[in-house]
Amino acid sequence: VEHLMAKNSELEKTVEVLMRDIAKKEVEFLLDSAQKISNIRFIGAITALNMAAIKDMAFYLRNREKNLMMVLGAEEQGKALLSVVITDDLIKAKGFNAGVIIKTIAQHIKGGGGGQPFFATAGGKEPKGLQKAIDAAREIIKNID
């Protein structure tokens, strides 16, 4: 049993490293797919990444990119996960707040969440609503200015 527990822990660490590697590669793909809406670069996608990898991506993009809002959805163990990332320049210029936005769009996954102005997450019980949540975030941007 101890051997199996140690092996399981080792495998979990390996999966975490692999997810971070995938996240680094996916960042470039997502940046290339960004839409320009109201002079804001918007990324909205459903991904296979876990929340730890999404959080790493959020912190990486926050410091590297400008004029970007990213909404990622994922399904993990039958639950819906959402994250919103907003670069600091948009927070200052437009007054965006990821925590407020996540609360608004999380209704589509029958969940709730919160966070900081630049990064917020939500969980819910309705993975089928992920795309609707992303679309709702897109509409928020369209209605700015």
C-alpha atoms as a PDB file:
ATOM      1  CA  VAL A   1       0.000   0.000   0.000  1.00  0.00           C
ATOM      2  CA  GLU A   2       2.842   2.399   0.844  1.00  0.00           C
ATOM      3  CA  HIS A   3       4.483   1.607  -2.477  1.00  0.00           C
ATOM      4  CA  LEU A   4       1.228   2.357  -4.337  1.00  0.00           C
ATOM      5  CA  MET A   5       0.760   5.606  -2.437  1.00  0.00           C
ATOM      6  CA  ALA A   6       4.312   6.687  -3.259  1.00  0.00           C
ATOM      7  CA  LYS A   7       3.832   5.742  -6.908  1.00  0.00           C
ATOM      8  CA  ASN A   8       0.537   7.649  -7.023  1.00  0.00           C
ATOM      9  CA  SER A   9       2.214  10.745  -5.572  1.00  0.00           C
ATOM     10  CA  GLU A  10       5.002  10.459  -8.126  1.00  0.00           C
ATOM     11  CA  LEU A  11       2.505  10.148 -10.974  1.00  0.00           C
ATOM     12  CA  GLU A  12       0.537  13.180  -9.727  1.00  0.00           C
ATOM     13  CA  LYS A  13       3.732  15.253  -9.778  1.00  0.00           C
ATOM     14  CA  THR A  14       4.492  14.058 -13.307  1.00  0.00           C
ATOM     15  CA  VAL A  15       0.994  15.002 -14.483  1.00  0.00           C
ATOM     16  CA  GLU A  16       1.393  18.464 -12.927  1.00  0.00           C
ATOM     17  CA  VAL A  17       4.692  19.030 -14.760  1.00  0.00           C
ATOM     18  CA  LEU A  18       3.162  17.845 -18.036  1.00  0.00           C
ATOM     19  CA  MET A  19       0.127  20.130 -17.591  1.00  0.00           C
ATOM     20  CA  ARG A  20       2.433  23.112 -17.053  1.00  0.00           C
ATOM     21  CA  ASP A  21       4.368  22.217 -20.206  1.00  0.00           C
ATOM     22  CA  ILE A  22       1.126  21.954 -22.166  1.00  0.00           C
ATOM     23  CA  ALA A  23      -0.016  25.284 -20.723  1.00  0.00           C
ATOM     24  CA  LYS A  24       3.157  27.000 -21.959  1.00  0.00           C
ATOM     25  CA  LYS A  25       2.520  25.721 -25.466  1.00  0.00           C
ATOM     26  CA  GLU A  26      -1.184  26.534 -25.329  1.00  0.00           C
ATOM     27  CA  VAL A  27      -0.461  30.147 -24.333  1.00  0.00           C
ATOM     28  CA  GLU A  28       0.996  30.918 -27.738  1.00  0.00           C
ATOM     29  CA  PHE A  29      -1.887  29.234 -29.531  1.00  0.00           C
ATOM     30  CA  LEU A  30      -4.417  31.181 -27.463  1.00  0.00           C
ATOM     31  CA  LEU A  31      -2.633  34.489 -28.035  1.00  0.00           C
ATOM     32  CA  ASP A  32      -2.678  33.863 -31.781  1.00  0.00           C
ATOM     33  CA  SER A  33      -6.425  33.224 -31.612  1.00  0.00           C
ATOM     34  CA  ALA A  34      -7.276  36.422 -29.708  1.00  0.00           C
ATOM     35  CA  GLN A  35     -10.182  38.456 -31.109  1.00  0.00           C
ATOM     36  CA  LYS A  36     -10.132  42.229 -31.140  1.00  0.00           C
ATOM     37  CA  ILE A  37     -13.321  43.574 -29.536  1.00  0.00           C
ATOM     38  CA  SER A  38     -13.653  47.274 -28.677  1.00  0.00           C
ATOM     39  CA  ASN A  39      -9.851  47.591 -28.959  1.00  0.00           C
ATOM     40  CA  ILE A  40      -9.397  44.820 -26.405  1.00  0.00           C
ATOM     41  CA  ARG A  41      -7.773  41.491 -27.200  1.00  0.00           C
ATOM     42  CA  PHE A  42     -10.194  38.809 -26.031  1.00  0.00           C
ATOM     43  CA  ILE A  43      -9.459  35.123 -25.654  1.00  0.00           C
ATOM     44  CA  GLY A  44     -12.345  32.826 -24.844  1.00  0.00           C
ATOM     45  CA  ALA A  45     -11.806  29.080 -24.945  1.00  0.00           C
ATOM     46  CA  ILE A  46     -12.610  25.764 -23.346  1.00  0.00           C
ATOM     47  CA  THR A  47      -9.408  23.973 -22.481  1.00  0.00           C
ATOM     48  CA  ALA A  48      -8.275  20.615 -21.119  1.00  0.00           C
ATOM     49  CA  LEU A  49      -5.906  22.298 -18.665  1.00  0.00           C
ATOM     50  CA  ASN A  50      -6.389  21.916 -14.927  1.00  0.00           C
ATOM     51  CA  MET A  51      -6.886  24.927 -12.677  1.00  0.00           C
ATOM     52  CA  ALA A  52      -3.263  24.956 -11.461  1.00  0.00           C
ATOM     53  CA  ALA A  53      -1.996  25.240 -15.044  1.00  0.00           C
ATOM     54  CA  ILE A  54      -4.591  27.910 -15.843  1.00  0.00           C
ATOM     55  CA  LYS A  55      -3.486  29.919 -12.814  1.00  0.00           C
ATOM     56  CA  ASP A  56       0.155  29.674 -13.906  1.00  0.00           C
ATOM     57  CA  MET A  57      -0.897  30.870 -17.353  1.00  0.00           C
ATOM     58  CA  ALA A  58      -2.819  33.779 -15.831  1.00  0.00           C
ATOM     59  CA  PHE A  59       0.136  35.045 -13.844  1.00  0.00           C
ATOM     60  CA  TYR A  60       2.420  34.629 -16.847  1.00  0.00           C
ATOM     61  CA  LEU A  61       0.107  36.579 -19.165  1.00  0.00           C
ATOM     62  CA  ARG A  62      -0.582  39.309 -16.622  1.00  0.00           C
ATOM     63  CA  ASN A  63       3.076  40.311 -16.625  1.00  0.00           C
ATOM     64  CA  ARG A  64       3.769  39.722 -20.296  1.00  0.00           C
ATOM     65  CA  GLU A  65       0.758  40.984 -22.248  1.00  0.00           C
ATOM     66  CA  LYS A  66      -1.144  44.232 -22.598  1.00  0.00           C
ATOM     67  CA  ASN A  67      -4.761  44.981 -23.436  1.00  0.00           C
ATOM     68  CA  LEU A  68      -5.900  41.389 -22.861  1.00  0.00           C
ATOM     69  CA  MET A  69      -8.860  39.681 -21.253  1.00  0.00           C
ATOM     70  CA  MET A  70      -8.921  35.900 -21.237  1.00  0.00           C
ATOM     71  CA  VAL A  71     -11.783  33.654 -20.147  1.00  0.00           C
ATOM     72  CA  LEU A  72     -11.019  29.953 -19.973  1.00  0.00           C
ATOM     73  CA  GLY A  73     -13.407  27.166 -19.186  1.00  0.00           C
ATOM     74  CA  ALA A  74     -12.600  23.594 -18.275  1.00  0.00           C
ATOM     75  CA  GLU A  75     -14.371  20.478 -17.093  1.00  0.00           C
ATOM     76  CA  GLU A  76     -12.827  18.536 -14.267  1.00  0.00           C
ATOM     77  CA  GLN A  77     -14.448  15.487 -12.697  1.00  0.00           C
ATOM     78  CA  GLY A  78     -17.856  16.452 -14.064  1.00  0.00           C
ATOM     79  CA  LYS A  79     -17.675  20.013 -12.698  1.00  0.00           C
ATOM     80  CA  ALA A  80     -17.366  23.247 -14.641  1.00  0.00           C
ATOM     81  CA  LEU A  81     -14.441  25.561 -13.963  1.00  0.00           C
ATOM     82  CA  LEU A  82     -14.072  29.131 -15.193  1.00  0.00           C
ATOM     83  CA  SER A  83     -11.248  31.619 -14.941  1.00  0.00           C
ATOM     84  CA  VAL A  84     -10.969  35.253 -15.967  1.00  0.00           C
ATOM     85  CA  VAL A  85      -7.615  36.969 -16.488  1.00  0.00           C
ATOM     86  CA  ILE A  86      -7.342  40.704 -17.107  1.00  0.00           C
ATOM     87  CA  THR A  87      -4.093  42.570 -17.674  1.00  0.00           C
ATOM     88  CA  ASP A  88      -3.284  45.422 -15.315  1.00  0.00           C
ATOM     89  CA  ASP A  89      -3.504  48.086 -18.017  1.00  0.00           C
ATOM     90  CA  LEU A  90      -7.160  47.186 -18.697  1.00  0.00           C
ATOM     91  CA  ILE A  91      -7.956  47.257 -15.006  1.00  0.00           C
ATOM     92  CA  LYS A  92      -6.573  50.786 -14.793  1.00  0.00           C
ATOM     93  CA  ALA A  93      -7.919  52.100 -18.100  1.00  0.00           C
ATOM     94  CA  LYS A  94     -11.359  50.445 -18.179  1.00  0.00           C
ATOM     95  CA  GLY A  95     -12.037  49.667 -14.540  1.00  0.00           C
ATOM     96  CA  PHE A  96     -12.416  45.950 -15.272  1.00  0.00           C
ATOM     97  CA  ASN A  97     -12.518  43.570 -12.337  1.00  0.00           C
ATOM     98  CA  ALA A  98     -12.182  39.834 -12.917  1.00  0.00           C
ATOM     99  CA  GLY A  99     -13.969  39.093  -9.632  1.00  0.00           C
ATOM    100  CA  VAL A 100     -17.052  41.020 -10.708  1.00  0.00           C
ATOM    101  CA  ILE A 101     -17.042  39.513 -14.195  1.00  0.00           C
ATOM    102  CA  ILE A 102     -16.674  35.946 -12.919  1.00  0.00           C
ATOM    103  CA  LYS A 103     -19.677  36.377 -10.637  1.00  0.00           C
ATOM    104  CA  THR A 104     -21.747  37.555 -13.594  1.00  0.00           C
ATOM    105  CA  ILE A 105     -20.782  34.776 -15.988  1.00  0.00           C
ATOM    106  CA  ALA A 106     -20.694  31.948 -13.413  1.00  0.00           C
ATOM    107  CA  GLN A 107     -24.493  31.832 -13.442  1.00  0.00           C
ATOM    108  CA  HIS A 108     -24.219  29.981 -16.766  1.00  0.00           C
ATOM    109  CA  ILE A 109     -22.461  27.082 -15.051  1.00  0.00           C
ATOM    110  CA  LYS A 110     -24.802  27.204 -12.038  1.00  0.00           C
ATOM    111  CA  GLY A 111     -21.970  28.219  -9.771  1.00  0.00           C
ATOM    112  CA  GLY A 112     -20.161  31.057  -8.159  1.00  0.00           C
ATOM    113  CA  GLY A 113     -16.727  32.374  -7.548  1.00  0.00           C
ATOM    114  CA  GLY A 114     -14.574  35.378  -6.950  1.00  0.00           C
ATOM    115  CA  GLY A 115     -11.048  36.606  -6.899  1.00  0.00           C
ATOM    116  CA  GLN A 116      -8.835  39.572  -7.496  1.00  0.00           C
ATOM    117  CA  PRO A 117      -9.217  42.314 -10.113  1.00  0.00           C
ATOM    118  CA  PHE A 118      -6.734  40.570 -12.436  1.00  0.00           C
ATOM    119  CA  PHE A 119      -7.630  36.907 -11.809  1.00  0.00           C
ATOM    120  CA  ALA A 120     -10.790  35.189 -10.637  1.00  0.00           C
ATOM    121  CA  THR A 121     -12.166  31.678 -10.713  1.00  0.00           C
ATOM    122  CA  ALA A 122     -15.523  29.990 -10.399  1.00  0.00           C
ATOM    123  CA  GLY A 123     -16.785  26.477 -10.110  1.00  0.00           C
ATOM    124  CA  GLY A 124     -20.176  25.130 -11.003  1.00  0.00           C
ATOM    125  CA  LYS A 125     -22.201  22.024 -11.600  1.00  0.00           C
ATOM    126  CA  GLU A 126     -23.122  22.666 -15.244  1.00  0.00           C
ATOM    127  CA  PRO A 127     -20.228  22.073 -17.702  1.00  0.00           C
ATOM    128  CA  LYS A 128     -22.662  22.491 -20.612  1.00  0.00           C
ATOM    129  CA  GLY A 129     -22.848  26.197 -19.734  1.00  0.00           C
ATOM    130  CA  LEU A 130     -19.136  26.897 -20.234  1.00  0.00           C
ATOM    131  CA  GLN A 131     -19.515  28.241 -23.761  1.00  0.00           C
ATOM    132  CA  LYS A 132     -22.448  30.429 -22.702  1.00  0.00           C
ATOM    133  CA  ALA A 133     -20.291  31.865 -19.912  1.00  0.00           C
ATOM    134  CA  ILE A 134     -17.503  32.670 -22.374  1.00  0.00           C
ATOM    135  CA  ASP A 135     -20.017  34.262 -24.741  1.00  0.00           C
ATOM    136  CA  ALA A 136     -21.395  36.350 -21.851  1.00  0.00           C
ATOM    137  CA  ALA A 137     -17.883  37.658 -21.120  1.00  0.00           C
ATOM    138  CA  ARG A 138     -17.496  38.563 -24.786  1.00  0.00           C
ATOM    139  CA  GLU A 139     -20.745  40.551 -24.576  1.00  0.00           C
ATOM    140  CA  ILE A 140     -19.474  42.420 -21.529  1.00  0.00           C
ATOM    141  CA  ILE A 141     -16.533  43.653 -23.592  1.00  0.00           C
ATOM    142  CA  LYS A 142     -18.738  44.578 -26.546  1.00  0.00           C
ATOM    143  CA  ASN A 143     -20.815  46.788 -24.269  1.00  0.00           C
ATOM    144  CA  ILE A 144     -17.832  48.741 -22.913  1.00  0.00           C
ATOM    145  CA  ASP A 145     -17.459  52.374 -24.036  1.00  0.00           C
END
